[in-house]
PDB file of N, CA and C in Angstrom:
ATOM      1  N   MET A   1      74.775  -0.715  -7.088  1.00  0.00           N
ATOM      2  CA  MET A   1      75.575  -2.386  -7.073  1.00  0.00           C
ATOM      3  C   MET A   1      77.087  -2.337  -6.300  1.00  0.00           C
ATOM      4  N   ALA A   2      77.524  -2.918  -5.526  1.00  0.00           N
ATOM      5  CA  ALA A   2      78.675  -2.738  -5.046  1.00  0.00           C
ATOM      6  C   ALA A   2      79.255  -4.128  -5.128  1.00  0.00           C
ATOM      7  N   ILE A   3      81.203  -4.025  -5.593  1.00  0.00           N
ATOM      8  CA  ILE A   3      81.595  -5.473  -6.419  1.00  0.00           C
ATOM      9  C   ILE A   3      82.495  -5.213  -5.080  1.00  0.00           C
ATOM     10  N   LEU A   4      82.349  -6.307  -4.738  1.00  0.00           N
ATOM     11  CA  LEU A   4      83.782  -6.944  -2.955  1.00  0.00           C
ATOM     12  C   LEU A   4      84.847  -7.966  -3.702  1.00  0.00           C
ATOM     13  N   GLU A   5      84.827  -7.084  -3.075  1.00  0.00           N
ATOM     14  CA  GLU A   5      86.436  -8.619  -3.534  1.00  0.00           C
ATOM     15  C   GLU A   5      86.795  -9.002  -2.256  1.00  0.00           C
ATOM     16  N   ILE A   6      86.850 -10.471  -1.468  1.00  0.00           N
ATOM     17  CA  ILE A   6      87.277 -10.960  -1.051  1.00  0.00           C
ATOM     18  C   ILE A   6      88.590 -12.669  -0.871  1.00  0.00           C
ATOM     19  N   SER A   7      89.014 -12.280  -0.121  1.00  0.00           N
ATOM     20  CA  SER A   7      89.943 -13.443   0.177  1.00  0.00           C
ATOM     21  C   SER A   7      89.472 -14.608   1.568  1.00  0.00           C
ATOM     22  N   VAL A   8      89.672 -14.747   2.384  1.00  0.00           N
ATOM     23  CA  VAL A   8      89.149 -15.705   3.586  1.00  0.00           C
ATOM     24  C   VAL A   8      90.512 -16.153   3.339  1.00  0.00           C
ATOM     25  N   MET A   9      92.004 -16.280   4.548  1.00  0.00           N
ATOM     26  CA  MET A   9      92.973 -17.345   4.306  1.00  0.00           C
ATOM     27  C   MET A   9      93.163 -17.184   6.674  1.00  0.00           C
ATOM     28  N   PRO A  10      92.417 -18.909   5.896  1.00  0.00           N
ATOM     29  CA  PRO A  10      92.723 -19.390   7.471  1.00  0.00           C
ATOM     30  C   PRO A  10      93.792 -20.329   7.859  1.00  0.00           C
ATOM     31  N   LEU A  11      94.102 -19.667   8.781  1.00  0.00           N
ATOM     32  CA  LEU A  11      95.785 -20.011   9.672  1.00  0.00           C
ATOM     33  C   LEU A  11      95.647 -21.029  10.753  1.00  0.00           C
ATOM     34  N   GLY A  12      96.338 -21.845  11.703  1.00  0.00           N
ATOM     35  CA  GLY A  12      96.299 -22.589  11.871  1.00  0.00           C
ATOM     36  C   GLY A  12      95.591 -24.194  12.362  1.00  0.00           C
ATOM     37  N   THR A  13      95.900 -24.507  10.428  1.00  0.00           N
ATOM     38  CA  THR A  13      95.144 -25.324   9.868  1.00  0.00           C
ATOM     39  C   THR A  13      96.034 -26.915  10.400  1.00  0.00           C
ATOM     40  N   GLY A  14      97.705 -26.823  10.142  1.00  0.00           N
ATOM     41  CA  GLY A  14      97.908 -27.949  11.067  1.00  0.00           C
ATOM     42  C   GLY A  14      98.677 -28.070   9.219  1.00  0.00           C
ATOM     43  N   THR A  15      97.970 -27.015   7.431  1.00  0.00           N
ATOM     44  CA  THR A  15      98.596 -27.657   7.195  1.00  0.00           C
ATOM     45  C   THR A  15      98.609 -27.082   6.102  1.00  0.00           C
ATOM     46  N   PRO A  16      99.496 -27.113   4.974  1.00  0.00           N
ATOM     47  CA  PRO A  16      99.462 -25.694   4.321  1.00  0.00           C
ATOM     48  C   PRO A  16      98.956 -25.302   3.187  1.00  0.00           C
ATOM     49  N   SER A  17      98.048 -26.545   3.027  1.00  0.00           N
ATOM     50  CA  SER A  17      96.636 -26.540   1.851  1.00  0.00           C
ATOM     51  C   SER A  17      95.884 -25.664   2.297  1.00  0.00           C
ATOM     52  N   VAL A  18      94.979 -25.030   1.995  1.00  0.00           N
ATOM     53  CA  VAL A  18      93.528 -24.296   2.666  1.00  0.00           C
ATOM     54  C   VAL A  18      92.301 -24.554   2.163  1.00  0.00           C
ATOM     55  N   SER A  19      92.858 -25.425   0.719  1.00  0.00           N
ATOM     56  CA  SER A  19      91.167 -25.131  -0.493  1.00  0.00           C
ATOM     57  C   SER A  19      90.019 -25.628   0.649  1.00  0.00           C
ATOM     58  N   ARG A  20      89.631 -26.218   1.031  1.00  0.00           N
ATOM     59  CA  ARG A  20      89.448 -27.179   2.153  1.00  0.00           C
ATOM     60  C   ARG A  20      87.850 -26.109   3.156  1.00  0.00           C
ATOM     61  N   PHE A  21      89.161 -25.144   3.052  1.00  0.00           N
ATOM     62  CA  PHE A  21      88.463 -23.888   4.164  1.00  0.00           C
ATOM     63  C   PHE A  21      87.790 -23.069   2.776  1.00  0.00           C
ATOM     64  N   VAL A  22      89.070 -22.824   1.156  1.00  0.00           N
ATOM     65  CA  VAL A  22      88.329 -22.561   0.031  1.00  0.00           C
ATOM     66  C   VAL A  22      86.458 -22.716  -0.338  1.00  0.00           C
ATOM     67  N   ALA A  23      86.911 -23.735  -0.088  1.00  0.00           N
ATOM     68  CA  ALA A  23      85.709 -25.050  -0.486  1.00  0.00           C
ATOM     69  C   ALA A  23      84.617 -24.491   0.218  1.00  0.00           C
ATOM     70  N   GLY A  24      84.940 -24.479   1.793  1.00  0.00           N
ATOM     71  CA  GLY A  24      83.150 -24.346   2.945  1.00  0.00           C
ATOM     72  C   GLY A  24      83.239 -22.945   2.737  1.00  0.00           C
ATOM     73  N   ALA A  25      83.981 -21.251   2.716  1.00  0.00           N
ATOM     74  CA  ALA A  25      83.769 -19.963   1.512  1.00  0.00           C
ATOM     75  C   ALA A  25      82.770 -20.197   1.077  1.00  0.00           C
ATOM     76  N   VAL A  26      82.752 -20.427  -0.215  1.00  0.00           N
ATOM     77  CA  VAL A  26      82.321 -20.619  -1.553  1.00  0.00           C
ATOM     78  C   VAL A  26      81.183 -21.394  -1.118  1.00  0.00           C
ATOM     79  N   LYS A  27      81.069 -22.434  -0.838  1.00  0.00           N
ATOM     80  CA  LYS A  27      79.633 -22.613  -0.179  1.00  0.00           C
ATOM     81  C   LYS A  27      78.380 -21.411   0.344  1.00  0.00           C
ATOM     82  N   VAL A  28      79.989 -21.182   0.970  1.00  0.00           N
ATOM     83  CA  VAL A  28      78.211 -19.344   1.587  1.00  0.00           C
ATOM     84  C   VAL A  28      77.543 -19.320   0.037  1.00  0.00           C
ATOM     85  N   LEU A  29      78.311 -19.014  -0.746  1.00  0.00           N
ATOM     86  CA  LEU A  29      78.134 -18.312  -2.008  1.00  0.00           C
ATOM     87  C   LEU A  29      77.317 -19.079  -3.086  1.00  0.00           C
ATOM     88  N   GLN A  30      77.225 -19.821  -2.914  1.00  0.00           N
ATOM     89  CA  GLN A  30      76.326 -21.259  -3.624  1.00  0.00           C
ATOM     90  C   GLN A  30      75.492 -20.652  -2.582  1.00  0.00           C
ATOM     91  N   ALA A  31      75.296 -20.753  -1.937  1.00  0.00           N
ATOM     92  CA  ALA A  31      74.213 -21.261  -1.134  1.00  0.00           C
ATOM     93  C   ALA A  31      72.907 -19.608  -1.544  1.00  0.00           C
ATOM     94  N   GLU A  32      73.574 -18.840  -1.948  1.00  0.00           N
ATOM     95  CA  GLU A  32      72.779 -17.843  -2.354  1.00  0.00           C
ATOM     96  C   GLU A  32      72.489 -17.567  -4.122  1.00  0.00           C
ATOM     97  N   LYS A  33      71.347 -18.354  -4.495  1.00  0.00           N
ATOM     98  CA  LYS A  33      70.906 -18.108  -5.668  1.00  0.00           C
ATOM     99  C   LYS A  33      70.824 -17.784  -6.732  1.00  0.00           C
ATOM    100  N   ASP A  34      70.815 -15.742  -6.301  1.00  0.00           N
ATOM    101  CA  ASP A  34      70.337 -15.061  -7.362  1.00  0.00           C
ATOM    102  C   ASP A  34      71.826 -13.948  -7.139  1.00  0.00           C
ATOM    103  N   LEU A  35      72.977 -14.449  -6.565  1.00  0.00           N
ATOM    104  CA  LEU A  35      74.059 -14.016  -6.533  1.00  0.00           C
ATOM    105  C   LEU A  35      75.160 -14.708  -7.541  1.00  0.00           C
ATOM    106  N   LYS A  36      75.839 -13.033  -7.874  1.00  0.00           N
ATOM    107  CA  LYS A  36      76.541 -12.948  -9.207  1.00  0.00           C
ATOM    108  C   LYS A  36      78.411 -13.257  -8.733  1.00  0.00           C
ATOM    109  N   TYR A  37      79.215 -14.023  -9.092  1.00  0.00           N
ATOM    110  CA  TYR A  37      80.332 -14.064  -8.132  1.00  0.00           C
ATOM    111  C   TYR A  37      81.152 -14.910  -9.597  1.00  0.00           C
ATOM    112  N   GLU A  38      82.639 -14.354  -9.032  1.00  0.00           N
ATOM    113  CA  GLU A  38      83.741 -14.775  -9.775  1.00  0.00           C
ATOM    114  C   GLU A  38      84.726 -15.107  -9.254  1.00  0.00           C
ATOM    115  N   MET A  39      85.327 -16.196  -9.359  1.00  0.00           N
ATOM    116  CA  MET A  39      86.378 -17.068  -8.063  1.00  0.00           C
ATOM    117  C   MET A  39      87.757 -17.199  -8.818  1.00  0.00           C
ATOM    118  N   SER A  40      88.319 -16.540  -8.589  1.00  0.00           N
ATOM    119  CA  SER A  40      90.122 -16.748  -9.185  1.00  0.00           C
ATOM    120  C   SER A  40      90.838 -17.371  -8.492  1.00  0.00           C
ATOM    121  N   SER A  41      92.358 -17.563  -8.599  1.00  0.00           N
ATOM    122  CA  SER A  41      93.152 -18.459  -7.480  1.00  0.00           C
ATOM    123  C   SER A  41      92.972 -18.020  -6.314  1.00  0.00           C
ATOM    124  N   MET A  42      93.061 -16.026  -6.575  1.00  0.00           N
ATOM    125  CA  MET A  42      93.910 -15.514  -5.530  1.00  0.00           C
ATOM    126  C   MET A  42      92.680 -14.787  -4.411  1.00  0.00           C
ATOM    127  N   GLY A  43      91.189 -15.156  -4.997  1.00  0.00           N
ATOM    128  CA  GLY A  43      90.005 -14.291  -3.684  1.00  0.00           C
ATOM    129  C   GLY A  43      89.047 -14.682  -4.672  1.00  0.00           C
ATOM    130  N   THR A  44      88.201 -14.310  -4.126  1.00  0.00           N
ATOM    131  CA  THR A  44      86.766 -13.822  -5.240  1.00  0.00           C
ATOM    132  C   THR A  44      86.283 -12.765  -5.195  1.00  0.00           C
ATOM    133  N   ASN A  45      85.187 -12.718  -6.948  1.00  0.00           N
ATOM    134  CA  ASN A  45      84.535 -10.681  -6.728  1.00  0.00           C
ATOM    135  C   ASN A  45      83.269 -10.981  -6.556  1.00  0.00           C
ATOM    136  N   ILE A  46      82.232 -10.922  -5.602  1.00  0.00           N
ATOM    137  CA  ILE A  46      80.262 -10.379  -5.593  1.00  0.00           C
ATOM    138  C   ILE A  46      80.740  -9.323  -5.590  1.00  0.00           C
ATOM    139  N   GLU A  47      79.020  -9.418  -6.642  1.00  0.00           N
ATOM    140  CA  GLU A  47      78.445  -8.274  -6.972  1.00  0.00           C
ATOM    141  C   GLU A  47      77.106  -8.441  -6.415  1.00  0.00           C
ATOM    142  N   GLY A  48      76.767  -7.587  -6.079  1.00  0.00           N
ATOM    143  CA  GLY A  48      75.162  -6.579  -5.283  1.00  0.00           C
ATOM    144  C   GLY A  48      74.771  -6.123  -4.211  1.00  0.00           C
ATOM    145  N   ASP A  49      73.775  -6.097  -3.368  1.00  0.00           N
ATOM    146  CA  ASP A  49      74.184  -4.901  -2.404  1.00  0.00           C
ATOM    147  C   ASP A  49      74.930  -4.576  -1.691  1.00  0.00           C
ATOM    148  N   LEU A  50      76.236  -3.772  -0.507  1.00  0.00           N
ATOM    149  CA  LEU A  50      76.745  -3.629   0.128  1.00  0.00           C
ATOM    150  C   LEU A  50      75.720  -4.419   1.226  1.00  0.00           C
ATOM    151  N   GLU A  51      75.157  -3.844   1.491  1.00  0.00           N
ATOM    152  CA  GLU A  51      75.071  -4.793   2.536  1.00  0.00           C
ATOM    153  C   GLU A  51      74.931  -5.980   2.992  1.00  0.00           C
ATOM    154  N   ARG A  52      74.590  -6.701   2.000  1.00  0.00           N
ATOM    155  CA  ARG A  52      74.251  -7.876   1.729  1.00  0.00           C
ATOM    156  C   ARG A  52      75.467  -8.629   1.210  1.00  0.00           C
ATOM    157  N   LEU A  53      76.059  -8.185   1.292  1.00  0.00           N
ATOM    158  CA  LEU A  53      78.296  -8.405   0.457  1.00  0.00           C
ATOM    159  C   LEU A  53      78.424  -8.060   1.955  1.00  0.00           C
ATOM    160  N   LEU A  54      78.273  -7.456   2.763  1.00  0.00           N
ATOM    161  CA  LEU A  54      78.958  -7.586   3.915  1.00  0.00           C
ATOM    162  C   LEU A  54      78.512  -8.628   5.035  1.00  0.00           C
ATOM    163  N   ASP A  55      76.788  -9.059   4.704  1.00  0.00           N
ATOM    164  CA  ASP A  55      76.721 -10.430   5.945  1.00  0.00           C
ATOM    165  C   ASP A  55      77.378 -11.410   5.103  1.00  0.00           C
ATOM    166  N   ILE A  56      77.273 -11.193   3.418  1.00  0.00           N
ATOM    167  CA  ILE A  56      78.250 -12.823   3.374  1.00  0.00           C
ATOM    168  C   ILE A  56      78.787 -12.452   3.296  1.00  0.00           C
ATOM    169  N   ALA A  57      79.911 -11.597   3.755  1.00  0.00           N
ATOM    170  CA  ALA A  57      81.230 -11.942   3.851  1.00  0.00           C
ATOM    171  C   ALA A  57      81.772 -11.962   4.833  1.00  0.00           C
ATOM    172  N   LEU A  58      81.297 -12.094   6.391  1.00  0.00           N
ATOM    173  CA  LEU A  58      80.973 -12.796   7.556  1.00  0.00           C
ATOM    174  C   LEU A  58      81.214 -13.877   7.526  1.00  0.00           C
ATOM    175  N   ARG A  59      79.547 -14.316   6.774  1.00  0.00           N
ATOM    176  CA  ARG A  59      79.474 -15.627   7.044  1.00  0.00           C
ATOM    177  C   ARG A  59      80.776 -16.724   6.374  1.00  0.00           C
ATOM    178  N   MET A  60      81.283 -15.771   5.485  1.00  0.00           N
ATOM    179  CA  MET A  60      82.159 -16.159   4.986  1.00  0.00           C
ATOM    180  C   MET A  60      83.394 -16.769   5.696  1.00  0.00           C
ATOM    181  N   HIS A  61      83.872 -15.402   6.145  1.00  0.00           N
ATOM    182  CA  HIS A  61      84.861 -15.465   7.305  1.00  0.00           C
ATOM    183  C   HIS A  61      85.131 -16.668   8.453  1.00  0.00           C
ATOM    184  N   ARG A  62      83.394 -16.316   8.919  1.00  0.00           N
ATOM    185  CA  ARG A  62      83.880 -18.437  10.282  1.00  0.00           C
ATOM    186  C   ARG A  62      83.652 -18.752   9.990  1.00  0.00           C
ATOM    187  N   SER A  63      83.503 -19.410   7.798  1.00  0.00           N
ATOM    188  CA  SER A  63      82.394 -20.735   8.018  1.00  0.00           C
ATOM    189  C   SER A  63      84.334 -21.122   7.851  1.00  0.00           C
ATOM    190  N   ALA A  64      85.391 -20.458   8.359  1.00  0.00           N
ATOM    191  CA  ALA A  64      86.938 -20.785   7.959  1.00  0.00           C
ATOM    192  C   ALA A  64      86.965 -21.520   9.837  1.00  0.00           C
ATOM    193  N   PHE A  65      85.904 -20.300  10.829  1.00  0.00           N
ATOM    194  CA  PHE A  65      86.443 -20.916  12.170  1.00  0.00           C
ATOM    195  C   PHE A  65      85.367 -22.417  12.236  1.00  0.00           C
ATOM    196  N   ASP A  66      84.386 -22.394  11.469  1.00  0.00           N
ATOM    197  CA  ASP A  66      83.607 -23.426  11.674  1.00  0.00           C
ATOM    198  C   ASP A  66      84.149 -25.162  11.125  1.00  0.00           C
ATOM    199  N   ALA A  67      85.145 -24.659  10.817  1.00  0.00           N
ATOM    200  CA  ALA A  67      86.104 -26.271   9.833  1.00  0.00           C
ATOM    201  C   ALA A  67      86.671 -26.326  10.890  1.00  0.00           C
ATOM    202  N   GLY A  68      87.112 -25.816  11.670  1.00  0.00           N
ATOM    203  CA  GLY A  68      88.726 -25.866  12.057  1.00  0.00           C
ATOM    204  C   GLY A  68      89.341 -24.922  12.529  1.00  0.00           C
ATOM    205  N   ALA A  69      89.836 -23.801  11.956  1.00  0.00           N
ATOM    206  CA  ALA A  69      91.149 -22.847  11.439  1.00  0.00           C
ATOM    207  C   ALA A  69      90.825 -22.355  12.950  1.00  0.00           C
ATOM    208  N   GLN A  70      92.012 -22.522  13.366  1.00  0.00           N
ATOM    209  CA  GLN A  70      92.351 -21.448  14.429  1.00  0.00           C
ATOM    210  C   GLN A  70      92.454 -20.393  14.991  1.00  0.00           C
ATOM    211  N   ARG A  71      92.680 -19.521  13.410  1.00  0.00           N
ATOM    212  CA  ARG A  71      92.996 -17.577  13.380  1.00  0.00           C
ATOM    213  C   ARG A  71      92.529 -17.331  11.291  1.00  0.00           C
ATOM    214  N   VAL A  72      91.862 -17.118  11.268  1.00  0.00           N
ATOM    215  CA  VAL A  72      91.314 -16.538  10.373  1.00  0.00           C
ATOM    216  C   VAL A  72      91.276 -15.361   9.976  1.00  0.00           C
ATOM    217  N   VAL A  73      92.554 -14.768   8.836  1.00  0.00           N
ATOM    218  CA  VAL A  73      92.707 -13.621   8.101  1.00  0.00           C
ATOM    219  C   VAL A  73      92.029 -13.047   7.235  1.00  0.00           C
ATOM    220  N   THR A  74      90.641 -11.815   6.955  1.00  0.00           N
ATOM    221  CA  THR A  74      90.561 -11.823   5.502  1.00  0.00           C
ATOM    222  C   THR A  74      90.227 -10.927   5.361  1.00  0.00           C
ATOM    223  N   VAL A  75      90.859 -10.176   4.028  1.00  0.00           N
ATOM    224  CA  VAL A  75      91.204  -9.285   3.205  1.00  0.00           C
ATOM    225  C   VAL A  75      90.088  -8.701   2.203  1.00  0.00           C
ATOM    226  N   MET A  76      88.624  -7.702   2.561  1.00  0.00           N
ATOM    227  CA  MET A  76      88.324  -7.753   1.429  1.00  0.00           C
ATOM    228  C   MET A  76      88.548  -5.828   0.026  1.00  0.00           C
ATOM    229  N   LYS A  77      88.013  -5.685  -0.577  1.00  0.00           N
ATOM    230  CA  LYS A  77      87.968  -4.268  -0.638  1.00  0.00           C
ATOM    231  C   LYS A  77      86.648  -4.762  -1.597  1.00  0.00           C
ATOM    232  N   ILE A  78      86.266  -3.071  -1.329  1.00  0.00           N
ATOM    233  CA  ILE A  78      84.452  -2.684  -2.105  1.00  0.00           C
ATOM    234  C   ILE A  78      84.908  -1.752  -2.995  1.00  0.00           C
ATOM    235  N   ASP A  79      84.053  -1.988  -4.068  1.00  0.00           N
ATOM    236  CA  ASP A  79      84.214  -0.422  -5.367  1.00  0.00           C
ATOM    237  C   ASP A  79      82.001  -0.501  -5.016  1.00  0.00           C
ATOM    238  N   ASP A  80      82.355   0.763  -4.830  1.00  0.00           N
ATOM    239  CA  ASP A  80      80.686   1.163  -4.409  1.00  0.00           C
ATOM    240  C   ASP A  80      80.436   2.734  -5.639  1.00  0.00           C
ATOM    241  N   ARG A  81      79.695   2.010  -6.135  1.00  0.00           N
ATOM    242  CA  ARG A  81      79.847   3.311  -7.113  1.00  0.00           C
ATOM    243  C   ARG A  81      78.034   4.176  -7.405  1.00  0.00           C
ATOM    244  N   HIS A  82      77.893   5.146  -6.958  1.00  0.00           N
ATOM    245  CA  HIS A  82      76.069   5.430  -7.103  1.00  0.00           C
ATOM    246  C   HIS A  82      76.425   6.712  -8.033  1.00  0.00           C
ATOM    247  N   ASP A  83      77.199   6.826  -9.142  1.00  0.00           N
ATOM    248  CA  ASP A  83      77.267   7.207 -10.703  1.00  0.00           C
ATOM    249  C   ASP A  83      76.558   6.442 -11.580  1.00  0.00           C
ATOM    250  N   GLN A  84      76.996   5.271 -11.262  1.00  0.00           N
ATOM    251  CA  GLN A  84      76.405   4.723 -12.044  1.00  0.00           C
ATOM    252  C   GLN A  84      76.279   3.144 -11.909  1.00  0.00           C
ATOM    253  N   VAL A  85      75.766   2.200 -12.874  1.00  0.00           N
ATOM    254  CA  VAL A  85      75.785   0.567 -11.989  1.00  0.00           C
ATOM    255  C   VAL A  85      77.177   0.155 -12.490  1.00  0.00           C
ATOM    256  N   ALA A  86      77.928  -0.645 -11.796  1.00  0.00           N
ATOM    257  CA  ALA A  86      78.355  -1.260 -12.031  1.00  0.00           C
ATOM    258  C   ALA A  86      78.556  -3.063 -12.080  1.00  0.00           C
ATOM    259  N   SER A  87      79.608  -3.556 -13.179  1.00  0.00           N
ATOM    260  CA  SER A  87      79.513  -5.292 -12.308  1.00  0.00           C
ATOM    261  C   SER A  87      80.462  -5.676 -12.636  1.00  0.00           C
ATOM    262  N   ILE A  88      80.499  -6.348 -12.128  1.00  0.00           N
ATOM    263  CA  ILE A  88      81.914  -7.070 -12.502  1.00  0.00           C
ATOM    264  C   ILE A  88      82.620  -7.717 -14.085  1.00  0.00           C
ATOM    265  N   GLN A  89      81.270  -7.679 -14.842  1.00  0.00           N
ATOM    266  CA  GLN A  89      81.278  -7.467 -16.140  1.00  0.00           C
ATOM    267  C   GLN A  89      81.904  -6.482 -16.600  1.00  0.00           C
ATOM    268  N   SER A  90      80.385  -5.290 -16.091  1.00  0.00           N
ATOM    269  CA  SER A  90      81.189  -3.904 -17.008  1.00  0.00           C
ATOM    270  C   SER A  90      82.311  -3.173 -16.798  1.00  0.00           C
ATOM    271  N   LYS A  91      83.542  -3.896 -15.257  1.00  0.00           N
ATOM    272  CA  LYS A  91      84.152  -3.418 -14.925  1.00  0.00           C
ATOM    273  C   LYS A  91      85.457  -3.805 -16.320  1.00  0.00           C
ATOM    274  N   LEU A  92      85.491  -5.551 -16.509  1.00  0.00           N
ATOM    275  CA  LEU A  92      86.160  -6.075 -17.101  1.00  0.00           C
ATOM    276  C   LEU A  92      86.296  -6.086 -18.792  1.00  0.00           C
ATOM    277  N   ALA A  93      84.398  -5.599 -18.896  1.00  0.00           N
ATOM    278  CA  ALA A  93      84.918  -4.924 -20.432  1.00  0.00           C
ATOM    279  C   ALA A  93      85.297  -2.873 -20.754  1.00  0.00           C
ATOM    280  N   ALA A  94      85.283  -2.627 -19.563  1.00  0.00           N
ATOM    281  CA  ALA A  94      85.790  -1.421 -20.275  1.00  0.00           C
ATOM    282  C   ALA A  94      87.197  -1.453 -19.751  1.00  0.00           C
ATOM    283  N   VAL A  95      88.305  -2.707 -19.047  1.00  0.00           N
ATOM    284  CA  VAL A  95      89.762  -2.576 -19.660  1.00  0.00           C
ATOM    285  C   VAL A  95      89.481  -2.704 -20.346  1.00  0.00           C
ATOM    286  N   LYS A  96      89.164  -4.048 -21.065  1.00  0.00           N
ATOM    287  CA  LYS A  96      89.044  -4.646 -22.943  1.00  0.00           C
ATOM    288  C   LYS A  96      88.881  -3.581 -23.846  1.00  0.00           C
ATOM    289  N   GLN A  97      88.500  -2.361 -23.522  1.00  0.00           N
ATOM    290  CA  GLN A  97      88.266  -1.414 -24.349  1.00  0.00           C
ATOM    291  C   GLN A  97      88.995  -0.465 -24.468  1.00  0.00           C
ATOM    292  N   GLU A  98      89.985  -0.338 -23.388  1.00  0.00           N
ATOM    293  CA  GLU A  98      90.546   0.960 -23.206  1.00  0.00           C
ATOM    294  C   GLU A  98      92.077  -0.365 -23.229  1.00  0.00           C
ATOM    295  N   LEU A  99      92.243  -1.278 -23.902  1.00  0.00           N
ATOM    296  CA  LEU A  99      93.261  -1.922 -24.073  1.00  0.00           C
ATOM    297  C   LEU A  99      93.529  -2.329 -25.686  1.00  0.00           C
ATOM    298  N   GLU A 100      92.087  -2.499 -26.272  1.00  0.00           N
ATOM    299  CA  GLU A 100      91.594  -2.241 -27.600  1.00  0.00           C
ATOM    300  C   GLU A 100      92.403  -0.736 -28.400  1.00  0.00           C
ATOM    301  N   LYS A 101      92.231   0.031 -27.629  1.00  0.00           N
ATOM    302  CA  LYS A 101      92.905   1.471 -27.912  1.00  0.00           C
ATOM    303  C   LYS A 101      94.053   1.502 -28.630  1.00  0.00           C
ATOM    304  N   ALA A 102      94.899   0.675 -27.340  1.00  0.00           N
ATOM    305  CA  ALA A 102      96.679   1.257 -27.605  1.00  0.00           C
ATOM    306  C   ALA A 102      97.650   0.297 -29.152  1.00  0.00           C
TER     307      ALA A 102
END
């Protein structure tokens, strides 16, 4: 299972607020009923099959154009492990465990 961090940033919107565009991108995720994701103030983490995640990322990117953006910059990071199953929660738990050791 892969974890994808994505941030869709529309440009040329005529306003400094981008929440309308972010909501459009999140609606793409909401349509995927069995998908696990977590939003933060600066991006969204999604877990699943890598090919599926890349397809969803493309649809999220295009959603900003569909909403009227003239330019869209999308930043992604992918964590794809083959030695063990990883999830958003397992990554957070590993860091919390290390913090408890200190």
